[in-house]
Protein backbone atom coordinates (compact mmCIF):
# COMPACT_ATOMS: atom_id res chain seq x y z
CA MET A 1 -152.26 -69.32 -84.15
CA THR A 2 -149.87 -69.16 -81.20
CA GLN A 3 -146.74 -67.52 -82.24
CA LEU A 4 -143.43 -69.64 -82.90
CA ASP A 5 -141.51 -70.13 -79.27
CA VAL A 6 -138.03 -68.55 -81.02
CA ARG A 7 -136.07 -67.77 -77.78
CA PRO A 8 -132.42 -68.78 -77.86
CA GLN A 9 -132.06 -71.87 -75.26
CA ALA A 10 -128.86 -72.64 -73.38
CA GLY A 11 -126.16 -73.57 -75.82
CA ASP A 12 -127.41 -71.83 -78.70
CA THR A 13 -125.51 -70.03 -81.45
CA VAL A 14 -128.42 -68.01 -82.79
CA SER A 15 -127.59 -65.28 -85.76
CA GLY A 16 -131.06 -63.56 -86.17
CA VAL A 17 -134.09 -64.64 -84.47
CA ALA A 18 -137.46 -65.69 -86.74
CA ASP A 19 -139.59 -62.55 -86.70
CA GLY A 20 -142.83 -62.42 -85.11
CA ASP A 21 -144.80 -63.41 -88.03
CA VAL A 22 -143.27 -67.02 -88.06
CA ARG A 23 -146.07 -69.33 -86.63
CA GLY A 24 -146.09 -72.50 -85.27
CA LYS A 25 -148.40 -75.33 -86.95
CA GLY A 26 -149.09 -77.06 -83.72
CA LEU A 27 -146.77 -80.17 -85.33
CA GLY A 28 -145.33 -82.71 -81.89
CA LYS A 29 -142.42 -80.87 -80.21
CA GLY A 30 -139.70 -82.99 -79.35
CA SER A 31 -140.25 -86.15 -81.68
CA VAL A 32 -136.50 -86.47 -83.16
CA GLY A 33 -133.25 -86.39 -81.76
CA LEU A 34 -130.21 -85.76 -84.04
CA VAL A 35 -130.04 -89.80 -84.98
CA GLY A 36 -133.69 -89.68 -85.95
CA SER A 37 -133.13 -86.90 -88.23
CA ALA A 38 -130.16 -88.01 -89.61
CA VAL A 39 -131.87 -91.40 -90.56
CA ILE A 40 -134.96 -89.68 -92.16
CA GLY A 41 -132.40 -87.49 -94.16
CA ILE A 42 -130.14 -90.72 -95.60
CA SER A 43 -133.95 -92.48 -96.18
CA THR A 44 -135.40 -89.84 -98.33
CA VAL A 45 -132.22 -89.98 -100.30
CA ALA A 46 -132.40 -93.70 -100.47
CA PRO A 47 -128.62 -94.41 -101.18
CA VAL A 48 -129.17 -98.03 -102.50
CA TYR A 49 -132.10 -97.15 -105.06
CA CYS A 50 -129.84 -94.37 -106.49
CA LEU A 51 -126.86 -96.41 -106.82
CA THR A 52 -128.97 -99.13 -108.50
CA SER A 53 -130.37 -96.57 -111.08
CA THR A 54 -127.67 -94.69 -111.10
CA LEU A 55 -124.54 -96.22 -111.21
CA GLY A 56 -124.34 -97.41 -114.78
CA SER A 57 -125.36 -94.41 -116.24
CA THR A 58 -122.69 -92.28 -114.62
CA ALA A 59 -120.48 -94.55 -115.70
CA GLY A 60 -121.72 -94.35 -118.90
CA GLU A 61 -121.23 -90.60 -119.09
CA VAL A 62 -118.06 -89.86 -117.70
CA GLY A 63 -116.35 -93.44 -117.54
CA LEU A 64 -113.75 -94.22 -115.28
CA GLN A 65 -114.06 -90.75 -113.45
CA MET A 66 -117.31 -91.96 -112.20
CA PRO A 67 -116.06 -91.49 -108.67
CA ALA A 68 -114.78 -88.06 -109.32
CA ILE A 69 -118.10 -86.90 -110.04
CA PHE A 70 -119.95 -88.57 -107.30
CA LEU A 71 -117.37 -85.71 -105.41
CA ALA A 72 -118.26 -83.06 -108.22
CA GLY A 73 -121.82 -83.40 -107.06
CA PHE A 74 -121.83 -83.30 -103.47
CA LEU A 75 -119.55 -80.04 -103.67
CA PRO A 76 -122.76 -78.04 -104.39
CA MET A 77 -125.44 -79.76 -102.12
CA LEU A 78 -122.38 -79.61 -99.05
CA LEU A 79 -122.23 -75.76 -99.87
CA VAL A 80 -126.11 -75.42 -100.24
CA ALA A 81 -126.49 -77.64 -97.32
CA PHE A 82 -124.80 -74.37 -94.91
CA ALA A 83 -127.21 -72.37 -96.27
CA TYR A 84 -129.99 -74.64 -94.81
CA ARG A 85 -127.91 -74.90 -91.83
CA GLU A 86 -127.72 -71.12 -91.25
CA LEU A 87 -131.26 -70.14 -92.23
CA ASN A 88 -132.65 -72.82 -89.62
CA LYS A 89 -130.65 -71.36 -86.70
CA ALA A 90 -132.56 -68.27 -87.43
CA MET A 91 -135.94 -69.36 -88.93
CA PRO A 92 -136.74 -73.36 -87.33
CA ASP A 93 -140.24 -73.14 -89.53
CA CYS A 94 -140.96 -76.55 -91.33
CA GLY A 95 -141.81 -74.40 -94.30
CA THR A 96 -137.84 -74.57 -95.18
CA SER A 97 -137.55 -72.92 -98.64
CA PHE A 98 -140.69 -71.51 -99.10
CA THR A 99 -140.44 -69.41 -95.52
CA TRP A 100 -136.91 -68.79 -96.09
CA THR A 101 -137.18 -67.60 -99.49
CA VAL A 102 -140.43 -65.04 -98.60
CA LYS A 103 -138.73 -63.40 -96.16
CA ALA A 104 -135.34 -63.08 -98.13
CA PHE A 105 -137.15 -62.39 -101.69
CA GLY A 106 -141.24 -61.84 -101.03
CA PRO A 107 -144.14 -63.75 -101.48
CA ARG A 108 -143.97 -64.76 -105.13
CA ILE A 109 -140.66 -65.54 -105.55
CA GLY A 110 -141.18 -67.75 -102.14
CA TRP A 111 -144.04 -69.22 -103.32
CA MET A 112 -142.88 -70.52 -106.42
CA CYS A 113 -139.72 -72.02 -104.66
CA GLY A 114 -142.25 -73.66 -102.51
CA TRP A 115 -143.84 -74.64 -105.74
CA GLY A 116 -140.97 -76.12 -107.07
CA LEU A 117 -140.43 -78.30 -104.11
CA VAL A 118 -143.81 -79.45 -104.05
CA ILE A 119 -143.95 -80.81 -107.60
CA ALA A 120 -140.25 -82.54 -107.10
CA THR A 121 -141.06 -84.36 -104.75
CA ILE A 122 -144.82 -85.75 -106.05
CA ILE A 123 -142.56 -86.61 -109.04
CA VAL A 124 -139.73 -88.64 -107.43
CA LEU A 125 -142.79 -90.49 -104.54
CA SER A 126 -144.13 -91.55 -108.12
CA ASN A 127 -140.89 -93.26 -109.33
CA LEU A 128 -139.93 -94.43 -105.60
CA ALA A 129 -143.69 -96.33 -105.72
CA GLY A 130 -142.99 -97.68 -109.35
CA VAL A 131 -139.47 -98.86 -108.25
CA ALA A 132 -140.39 -100.39 -105.21
CA THR A 133 -143.42 -101.69 -107.24
CA SER A 134 -140.90 -103.53 -109.88
CA TYR A 135 -138.84 -104.67 -106.86
CA PHE A 136 -141.62 -106.26 -104.95
CA TRP A 137 -142.24 -108.50 -108.14
CA LEU A 138 -138.96 -109.20 -108.79
CA LEU A 139 -138.13 -110.49 -105.45
CA ALA A 140 -141.16 -112.70 -105.14
CA GLY A 141 -140.37 -114.34 -108.50
CA GLU A 142 -136.55 -114.69 -107.05
CA ILE A 143 -137.73 -116.03 -103.84
CA THR A 144 -140.29 -118.34 -105.43
CA ASN A 145 -137.88 -119.32 -108.46
CA ASN A 146 -140.90 -118.39 -110.59
CA PRO A 147 -140.62 -116.47 -113.06
CA SER A 148 -144.03 -116.02 -114.08
CA ILE A 149 -144.29 -114.02 -110.88
CA ALA A 150 -141.78 -111.83 -111.78
CA ALA A 151 -143.25 -111.36 -114.71
CA LEU A 152 -146.53 -110.08 -113.12
CA ASP A 153 -144.81 -106.52 -113.09
CA ASP A 154 -145.34 -106.33 -116.68
CA ASN A 155 -148.87 -106.42 -116.37
CA LYS A 156 -150.25 -102.75 -116.42
CA LEU A 157 -153.07 -103.32 -113.97
CA VAL A 158 -151.26 -105.30 -111.30
CA HIS A 159 -148.36 -103.21 -111.31
CA ILE A 160 -150.80 -99.80 -110.98
CA ALA A 161 -152.83 -101.72 -108.01
CA THR A 162 -149.75 -102.65 -106.24
CA CYS A 163 -148.00 -99.22 -106.66
CA LEU A 164 -151.05 -97.83 -105.33
CA THR A 165 -151.07 -99.81 -102.04
CA LEU A 166 -147.58 -99.25 -101.49
CA ILE A 167 -148.36 -95.34 -101.78
CA ALA A 168 -151.44 -95.66 -99.11
CA VAL A 169 -149.09 -97.71 -96.56
CA ALA A 170 -146.66 -95.30 -97.26
CA THR A 171 -149.34 -92.36 -96.47
CA ALA A 172 -150.77 -94.52 -93.56
CA ILE A 173 -147.26 -94.86 -92.08
CA SER A 174 -146.83 -90.82 -92.36
CA TYR A 175 -150.12 -89.70 -91.30
CA ARG A 176 -149.47 -91.65 -88.03
CA GLY A 177 -146.70 -89.21 -86.77
CA MET A 178 -142.70 -88.83 -86.03
CA THR A 179 -142.29 -91.76 -83.89
CA ALA A 180 -143.80 -94.24 -86.12
CA THR A 181 -141.80 -92.95 -88.84
CA LYS A 182 -138.83 -93.07 -86.74
CA GLY A 183 -139.02 -96.63 -86.16
CA VAL A 184 -139.82 -97.75 -89.75
CA GLN A 185 -137.00 -95.88 -90.54
CA TYR A 186 -134.08 -97.60 -88.04
CA ALA A 187 -134.93 -100.55 -89.49
CA LEU A 188 -134.97 -100.11 -93.15
CA VAL A 189 -132.21 -97.61 -93.23
CA GLY A 190 -129.99 -100.20 -91.02
CA LEU A 191 -130.91 -103.31 -93.48
CA GLN A 192 -129.86 -101.13 -96.68
CA LEU A 193 -126.42 -99.87 -95.38
CA VAL A 194 -125.16 -103.25 -93.81
CA VAL A 195 -126.12 -104.50 -97.37
CA LEU A 196 -124.47 -102.36 -99.20
CA ALA A 197 -121.46 -102.70 -96.69
CA VAL A 198 -121.15 -106.59 -97.47
CA PHE A 199 -121.62 -105.60 -101.16
CA VAL A 200 -118.63 -103.41 -101.06
CA ALA A 201 -116.58 -105.73 -99.01
CA MET A 202 -117.24 -108.75 -101.47
CA ALA A 203 -117.13 -106.88 -104.46
CA PHE A 204 -113.02 -105.44 -103.09
CA GLN A 205 -112.74 -109.35 -102.50
CA LYS A 206 -113.51 -109.93 -106.11
CA ALA A 207 -111.68 -107.28 -107.76
CA SER A 208 -108.68 -108.44 -105.47
CA ALA A 209 -108.66 -112.24 -106.60
CA GLY A 210 -109.30 -111.18 -110.62
CA THR A 211 -112.67 -112.95 -110.73
CA PHE A 212 -113.74 -110.57 -113.45
CA ASP A 213 -112.07 -110.37 -116.50
CA THR A 214 -113.49 -106.38 -117.39
CA GLY A 215 -111.59 -105.66 -113.27
CA LEU A 216 -109.36 -102.82 -113.03
CA ASP A 217 -106.66 -102.05 -110.71
CA PHE A 218 -107.63 -98.99 -108.59
CA SER A 219 -105.95 -95.56 -109.55
CA TRP A 220 -106.17 -92.03 -108.22
CA SER A 221 -106.75 -90.91 -111.39
CA TRP A 222 -110.41 -91.25 -111.14
CA MET A 223 -110.61 -89.13 -108.39
CA ASN A 224 -110.02 -85.90 -111.26
CA PRO A 225 -113.27 -84.55 -112.55
CA PHE A 226 -111.12 -82.88 -114.92
CA ALA A 227 -110.20 -85.79 -116.90
CA VAL A 228 -113.99 -86.01 -118.37
CA GLU A 229 -113.52 -85.84 -121.69
CA SER A 230 -115.96 -83.35 -122.55
CA MET A 231 -118.32 -80.20 -121.00
CA ALA A 232 -121.02 -82.02 -121.82
CA ALA A 233 -120.50 -85.18 -120.28
CA PHE A 234 -119.77 -83.52 -117.18
CA THR A 235 -122.63 -81.57 -117.08
CA ALA A 236 -124.39 -84.91 -117.60
CA GLY A 237 -122.62 -86.80 -115.19
CA LEU A 238 -123.05 -84.05 -112.73
CA SER A 239 -127.04 -83.91 -113.06
CA LEU A 240 -126.93 -87.86 -111.94
CA SER A 241 -125.00 -87.18 -109.35
CA ILE A 242 -126.90 -84.16 -107.99
CA PHE A 243 -130.04 -86.40 -108.23
CA MET A 244 -128.17 -88.80 -106.11
CA TYR A 245 -128.03 -86.56 -103.34
CA TRP A 246 -131.16 -85.01 -103.46
CA GLY A 247 -133.94 -85.21 -100.42
CA TRP A 248 -131.13 -84.85 -97.59
CA ASP A 249 -133.12 -81.39 -96.77
CA ALA A 250 -135.87 -83.85 -95.27
CA CYS A 251 -134.06 -83.23 -92.11
CA LEU A 252 -134.91 -79.46 -92.39
CA ALA A 253 -138.67 -79.98 -92.58
CA THR A 254 -138.87 -82.15 -89.51
CA ASN A 255 -137.49 -79.01 -87.56
CA GLU A 256 -140.44 -77.83 -85.63
CA GLU A 257 -140.62 -81.50 -84.32
CA THR A 258 -136.73 -81.88 -83.78
CA THR A 259 -135.15 -81.79 -80.23
CA GLY A 260 -133.27 -78.37 -80.33
CA SER A 261 -134.51 -76.95 -83.20
CA THR A 262 -132.44 -74.38 -84.18
CA LYS A 263 -129.19 -76.75 -84.43
CA THR A 264 -130.14 -80.66 -84.77
CA PRO A 265 -131.60 -80.56 -88.06
CA GLY A 266 -128.47 -78.27 -89.54
CA ARG A 267 -126.02 -81.25 -88.05
CA ALA A 268 -128.41 -83.60 -88.82
CA SER A 269 -128.23 -82.78 -92.65
CA LEU A 270 -124.55 -82.77 -92.65
CA ILE A 271 -124.17 -86.17 -91.26
CA ALA A 272 -126.54 -87.43 -93.78
CA MET A 273 -124.19 -85.85 -96.48
CA VAL A 274 -121.09 -87.40 -95.31
CA VAL A 275 -123.07 -90.93 -94.86
CA LEU A 276 -124.12 -90.37 -98.19
CA VAL A 277 -120.63 -89.36 -100.05
CA GLY A 278 -119.15 -92.28 -97.92
CA SER A 279 -121.67 -94.35 -99.47
CA TYR A 280 -121.52 -93.79 -103.21
CA LEU A 281 -117.72 -93.14 -103.29
CA ALA A 282 -116.85 -96.76 -102.37
CA THR A 283 -119.53 -98.41 -103.94
CA GLY A 284 -118.60 -96.58 -107.13
CA VAL A 285 -114.86 -97.53 -106.37
CA ALA A 286 -115.74 -101.38 -105.46
CA ALA A 287 -117.94 -101.84 -108.00
CA GLN A 288 -115.61 -100.25 -110.85
CA MET A 289 -112.70 -102.51 -109.80
CA ALA A 290 -114.61 -105.54 -109.40
CA VAL A 291 -116.06 -105.16 -113.07
CA GLY A 292 -114.85 -102.06 -114.58
CA SER A 293 -116.74 -99.08 -116.43
CA GLY A 294 -116.96 -100.89 -120.06
CA GLY A 295 -119.90 -101.36 -121.78
CA GLU A 296 -119.29 -105.20 -122.50
CA GLY A 297 -120.23 -108.15 -120.41
CA LEU A 298 -121.09 -107.11 -116.32
CA GLY A 299 -119.53 -103.87 -116.97
CA LEU A 300 -121.34 -100.87 -115.51
CA ALA A 301 -121.98 -98.89 -118.55
CA ASN A 302 -123.78 -101.85 -120.46
CA GLU A 303 -127.13 -100.71 -122.09
CA GLU A 304 -128.29 -103.82 -121.06
CA THR A 305 -127.96 -103.73 -117.08
CA SER A 306 -127.17 -100.15 -116.92
CA ASP A 307 -130.35 -98.99 -115.63
CA ASN A 308 -130.23 -101.33 -112.54
CA VAL A 309 -126.82 -102.31 -112.10
CA PHE A 310 -127.79 -104.42 -108.59
CA ALA A 311 -130.12 -106.76 -110.25
CA ALA A 312 -127.12 -107.48 -112.38
CA LEU A 313 -124.42 -107.81 -110.24
CA ALA A 314 -126.18 -109.23 -107.29
CA GLY A 315 -125.78 -112.80 -107.87
CA PRO A 316 -122.16 -112.74 -109.30
CA VAL A 317 -120.74 -110.80 -106.57
CA MET A 318 -122.96 -111.90 -103.42
CA GLY A 319 -123.39 -115.34 -104.99
CA PRO A 320 -127.25 -116.41 -105.36
CA VAL A 321 -128.33 -117.00 -101.44
CA LEU A 322 -126.52 -113.44 -100.26
CA GLY A 323 -127.70 -111.72 -103.56
CA ILE A 324 -131.21 -112.16 -102.53
CA LEU A 325 -130.80 -109.97 -99.80
CA LEU A 326 -129.52 -106.98 -102.75
CA PHE A 327 -132.95 -107.07 -103.97
CA VAL A 328 -134.62 -106.89 -100.85
CA ALA A 329 -131.93 -103.88 -99.79
CA VAL A 330 -133.20 -101.98 -102.73
CA LEU A 331 -136.92 -102.44 -102.34
CA ALA A 332 -136.48 -101.50 -98.45
CA SER A 333 -134.29 -98.37 -99.96
CA ALA A 334 -137.22 -97.90 -102.35
CA ALA A 335 -139.89 -98.36 -99.28
CA ALA A 336 -138.07 -96.12 -96.73
CA SER A 337 -137.31 -93.50 -99.28
CA LEU A 338 -141.15 -93.26 -100.27
CA GLN A 339 -142.48 -93.19 -96.78
CA THR A 340 -140.21 -90.54 -95.66
CA THR A 341 -140.31 -88.24 -98.91
CA PHE A 342 -144.07 -87.49 -97.41
CA ILE A 343 -142.29 -85.35 -94.97
CA PRO A 344 -141.25 -82.43 -96.70
CA VAL A 345 -143.90 -81.96 -99.25
CA ALA A 346 -146.82 -82.11 -96.40
CA ARG A 347 -144.84 -79.86 -94.08
CA THR A 348 -144.34 -77.70 -97.02
CA VAL A 349 -148.08 -77.57 -97.85
CA LEU A 350 -148.83 -76.99 -94.11
CA ALA A 351 -146.67 -74.43 -93.80
CA MET A 352 -147.75 -72.45 -97.24
CA SER A 353 -151.34 -72.99 -96.03
CA THR A 354 -150.34 -71.63 -92.40
CA TYR A 355 -149.20 -68.31 -93.92
CA GLU A 356 -152.11 -68.22 -95.91
CA ALA A 357 -150.49 -68.57 -99.67
CA LEU A 358 -152.74 -72.36 -99.92
CA PRO A 359 -156.18 -72.81 -98.93
CA PRO A 360 -156.77 -73.26 -94.77
CA SER A 361 -157.55 -76.32 -95.03
CA TYR A 362 -154.12 -77.92 -95.37
CA ALA A 363 -153.28 -76.02 -91.81
CA LYS A 364 -154.95 -78.43 -90.05
CA VAL A 365 -152.56 -81.06 -87.79
CA HIS A 366 -154.27 -84.30 -86.47
CA PRO A 367 -154.73 -83.47 -82.93
CA ARG A 368 -153.49 -87.03 -81.37
CA PHE A 369 -150.64 -87.98 -84.04
CA LYS A 370 -149.76 -83.90 -84.36
CA THR A 371 -148.58 -84.28 -88.24
CA PRO A 372 -150.64 -82.31 -91.49
CA GLY A 373 -152.96 -84.97 -91.90
CA ARG A 374 -154.98 -83.67 -94.66
CA ALA A 375 -151.44 -82.52 -96.04
CA THR A 376 -150.13 -86.06 -96.10
CA VAL A 377 -152.97 -87.68 -97.82
CA MET A 378 -153.15 -84.96 -100.53
CA ALA A 379 -149.20 -85.42 -101.08
CA GLY A 380 -150.49 -89.33 -101.26
CA ALA A 381 -153.68 -88.91 -103.38
CA ALA A 382 -151.24 -86.80 -105.64
CA THR A 383 -148.87 -89.07 -106.03
CA GLY A 384 -151.09 -91.67 -106.89
CA LEU A 385 -153.10 -90.22 -109.50
CA PHE A 386 -150.38 -88.86 -111.09
CA TYR A 387 -148.47 -92.16 -111.04
CA THR A 388 -151.24 -93.59 -112.68
CA VAL A 389 -152.18 -91.09 -115.47
CA MET A 390 -148.91 -91.28 -116.45
CA THR A 391 -148.48 -94.92 -116.76
CA LEU A 392 -151.68 -94.91 -118.97
CA VAL A 393 -150.63 -92.17 -120.84
CA SER A 394 -147.22 -93.33 -121.82
CA GLU A 395 -144.12 -94.88 -120.80
CA ASN A 396 -141.75 -92.18 -122.35
CA VAL A 397 -143.77 -89.41 -120.83
CA LEU A 398 -143.50 -90.85 -117.23
CA THR A 399 -139.64 -91.42 -118.35
CA ASP A 400 -139.62 -87.44 -119.41
CA THR A 401 -141.21 -86.65 -116.17
CA ILE A 402 -138.24 -88.17 -114.20
CA PHE A 403 -135.56 -86.72 -116.42
CA ALA A 404 -137.18 -83.01 -115.99
CA LEU A 405 -136.93 -83.49 -112.22
CA GLY A 406 -133.51 -82.52 -112.14
CA LEU A 407 -134.54 -78.98 -112.97
CA MET A 408 -137.18 -78.75 -110.24
CA ILE A 409 -134.10 -79.61 -107.55
CA CYS A 410 -131.72 -76.84 -109.02
CA PHE A 411 -134.34 -74.43 -109.20
CA TYR A 412 -135.47 -74.46 -105.68
CA TYR A 413 -132.11 -75.68 -103.94
CA SER A 414 -130.38 -72.37 -105.69
CA LEU A 415 -133.23 -70.10 -104.85
CA THR A 416 -132.81 -71.19 -101.30
CA ALA A 417 -128.67 -70.84 -101.46
CA PHE A 418 -129.28 -67.02 -102.70
CA ALA A 419 -131.84 -66.46 -99.92
CA CYS A 420 -129.50 -67.16 -97.25
CA ALA A 421 -127.19 -64.97 -98.90
CA TRP A 422 -129.34 -62.21 -99.35
CA TYR A 423 -131.11 -62.33 -95.51
CA PHE A 424 -128.04 -62.38 -94.02
CA ARG A 425 -126.65 -59.54 -95.92
CA ALA A 426 -126.21 -57.14 -92.70
CA GLU A 427 -124.38 -59.71 -91.22
CA LEU A 428 -121.86 -60.55 -93.45
CA ARG A 429 -118.95 -58.03 -92.48
CA ARG A 430 -118.83 -59.15 -88.83
CA SER A 431 -116.85 -62.10 -89.03
CA SER A 432 -114.68 -64.24 -91.22
CA ARG A 433 -117.48 -67.23 -90.46
CA ASP A 434 -120.72 -65.27 -90.95
CA LEU A 435 -118.87 -63.93 -94.48
CA PHE A 436 -118.19 -68.05 -95.44
CA PHE A 437 -120.99 -69.65 -94.31
CA LYS A 438 -123.55 -67.57 -94.86
CA GLY A 439 -122.73 -65.62 -97.96
CA VAL A 440 -120.09 -67.26 -99.93
CA PHE A 441 -120.83 -70.78 -99.45
CA PRO A 442 -124.04 -70.64 -100.54
CA VAL A 443 -123.47 -67.99 -103.17
CA LEU A 444 -121.14 -70.74 -104.35
CA GLY A 445 -123.39 -73.45 -104.03
CA GLY A 446 -126.40 -71.79 -106.19
CA LEU A 447 -124.38 -70.81 -108.80
CA LEU A 448 -123.44 -74.10 -109.22
CA LEU A 449 -126.74 -75.52 -109.26
CA ALA A 450 -128.19 -72.30 -111.22
CA ALA A 451 -125.36 -73.03 -113.85
CA VAL A 452 -126.57 -76.84 -114.04
CA PHE A 453 -130.12 -75.50 -114.21
CA CYS A 454 -129.34 -73.24 -117.06
CA LYS A 455 -127.25 -76.02 -119.06
CA THR A 456 -130.39 -78.61 -118.35
CA LEU A 457 -132.81 -75.85 -119.44
CA PHE A 458 -130.42 -76.26 -122.74
CA ASP A 459 -130.14 -79.72 -123.56
CA MET A 460 -133.38 -80.35 -122.81
CA TRP A 461 -134.66 -78.94 -125.88
CA ASP A 462 -132.88 -81.22 -127.93
CA PRO A 463 -135.25 -84.09 -128.73
CA ALA A 464 -132.93 -87.07 -128.22
CA TYR A 465 -132.54 -85.82 -124.34
CA GLY A 466 -134.50 -88.16 -122.33
CA SER A 467 -136.86 -90.78 -124.24
CA GLY A 468 -136.43 -89.14 -127.24
CA SER A 469 -140.07 -87.88 -127.72
CA THR A 470 -140.68 -84.41 -129.45
CA VAL A 471 -143.53 -82.00 -129.48
CA LEU A 472 -143.28 -79.98 -132.45
CA GLY A 473 -139.96 -80.42 -132.67
CA VAL A 474 -138.94 -80.02 -129.22
CA GLY A 475 -137.99 -82.12 -126.58
CA SER A 476 -140.85 -83.53 -124.38
CA VAL A 477 -138.07 -83.11 -121.43
CA PHE A 478 -138.06 -79.30 -121.93
CA ILE A 479 -141.86 -79.03 -122.31
CA ILE A 480 -142.76 -80.83 -119.27
CA GLY A 481 -140.32 -79.38 -117.26
CA VAL A 482 -140.85 -75.87 -118.35
CA GLY A 483 -144.71 -76.53 -118.53
CA LEU A 484 -144.48 -77.48 -114.94
CA LEU A 485 -142.97 -74.46 -113.54
CA ALA A 486 -145.57 -72.29 -115.76
CA LEU A 487 -148.21 -74.32 -114.06
CA GLY A 488 -147.16 -73.28 -110.89
CA LEU A 489 -147.43 -69.31 -112.07
CA VAL A 490 -150.83 -69.84 -113.37
CA ILE A 491 -151.81 -71.90 -110.00
CA MET A 492 -149.69 -68.94 -108.12
CA PHE A 493 -152.01 -65.96 -110.06
CA VAL A 494 -155.33 -68.31 -109.01
CA THR A 495 -154.12 -68.11 -105.30
CA GLU A 496 -153.27 -64.34 -105.87
CA ARG A 497 -156.89 -63.39 -106.22
CA ARG A 498 -158.49 -65.77 -103.66
CA SER A 499 -155.43 -64.94 -100.81
CA PRO A 500 -154.59 -61.71 -101.59
CA ALA A 501 -153.03 -60.93 -98.14
CA PHE A 502 -150.08 -63.20 -98.24
CA PHE A 503 -148.94 -61.75 -101.69
CA ARG A 504 -149.24 -58.70 -100.17
CA GLY A 505 -146.82 -59.23 -97.63
CA GLU A 506 -149.09 -58.91 -94.79
CA VAL A 507 -148.98 -62.32 -93.47
CA LEU A 508 -145.16 -63.41 -93.94
CA THR A 509 -142.92 -60.26 -94.95
CA LYS A 510 -139.76 -59.58 -95.75
CA SER A 511 -137.34 -59.24 -93.41
CA THR A 512 -133.45 -59.42 -91.93
CA PRO A 513 -132.78 -60.75 -88.87
CA SER A 514 -133.31 -58.29 -85.99
CA LEU A 515 -131.52 -60.19 -82.85
CA VAL A 516 -128.12 -61.34 -82.98
CA VAL A 517 -126.89 -63.46 -79.56
CA GLU A 518 -123.25 -64.05 -79.29
CA ASP A 519 -121.66 -67.39 -78.21
């Protein structure tokens, strides 16, 4: 393996250059710029899909404080984003959370952090494929005005076949490299953001005209998170909000393929976060003003429509013609995210294999496309198999698996945040900037996510959490969430027997920054 060139370039501010045991992977350098990286981050989050699936649920939990909860969920993500930015400056490695936590805490914690990222991404990929499939048939029924076509989604075999086809197409695009990925993403992300802006504008128009009886006048009290009625409601809403921001770190997974790898990915992630929080606040406020957050009629918390808000609001807010565009935007959002979400999982697997934490076959990079070809195909196959099995076994099991996702997200994000503070611990007294951006902010973000992790773990024990399924009196969401983490431990111990060098710390060693380059 060739060593990763970590020499600071002109204009770079590098606090701690990566150690010599950080390796290059053979990925296509300079394939993505700042805008392309930010677009990938936005696409992976899938803002339109997140809004249609969680807007109603969040309103049902916290009522009028929904915009405040969007801000509250943004805070820990922003703090963790600072940790990612600082770690990327020191070690622009596509393994991101895996590599960084190994360097800070050692191989076993790092391996489990990588496992958390991989399993969370597989769950999300399967969910995105299912949503894209449902909207594909729903859109086909709307365009043809034929309910029987839309009803094809209820046919389990047709649904699975369509879902596997979408997964195969997304895998093929990701396999062909960042250039192909970037081109598709510009179109899909641009489409969904434009349609979302049209929806927001028309929702404000309907609100000012008082079109719907459940509409409300804007109040600044909506921005007060302390007005939520109970801690349980606040935690539930915060968990949904955190899920809505998950995926921005895909910007960092492309760091070895980005121009200015030490700075550009971190900047792109912050740009993506700002676009997301702006989109969420604008849409939440506009929708709440137009139809309210109650459970009656078009109210966002109506149980009959809260799982898919835009399907209920598309026609009333945008009209029959423009309303179809909202269906297209949700499909584009899910499809775009399905394609880009392969990026972090494939590159994490590539890095883990490169550092001998997984079988060496996954370390192969396609000679033409400069992508982790085998790792990408593996992620696609695992996603298809996971979704097929879960769908055939039980819809409740699939639903509960999605509910367990928040546990994985908080797990590896918080570990990465703590890794930042520990890795840079010797630099925290060097300046106030280092103290806050490398220490205080990451630790605060990590603590917030760790608190959500613990509270979610406690809530999951209740069988009423998720679908209501139970195993020996324990909620099935708890069994699935803890079971997936336990499965990671089992695989790690098996891998340790086959690849002891990595787990002895001989391949990727714990360290602290060894070189400081001032501005």
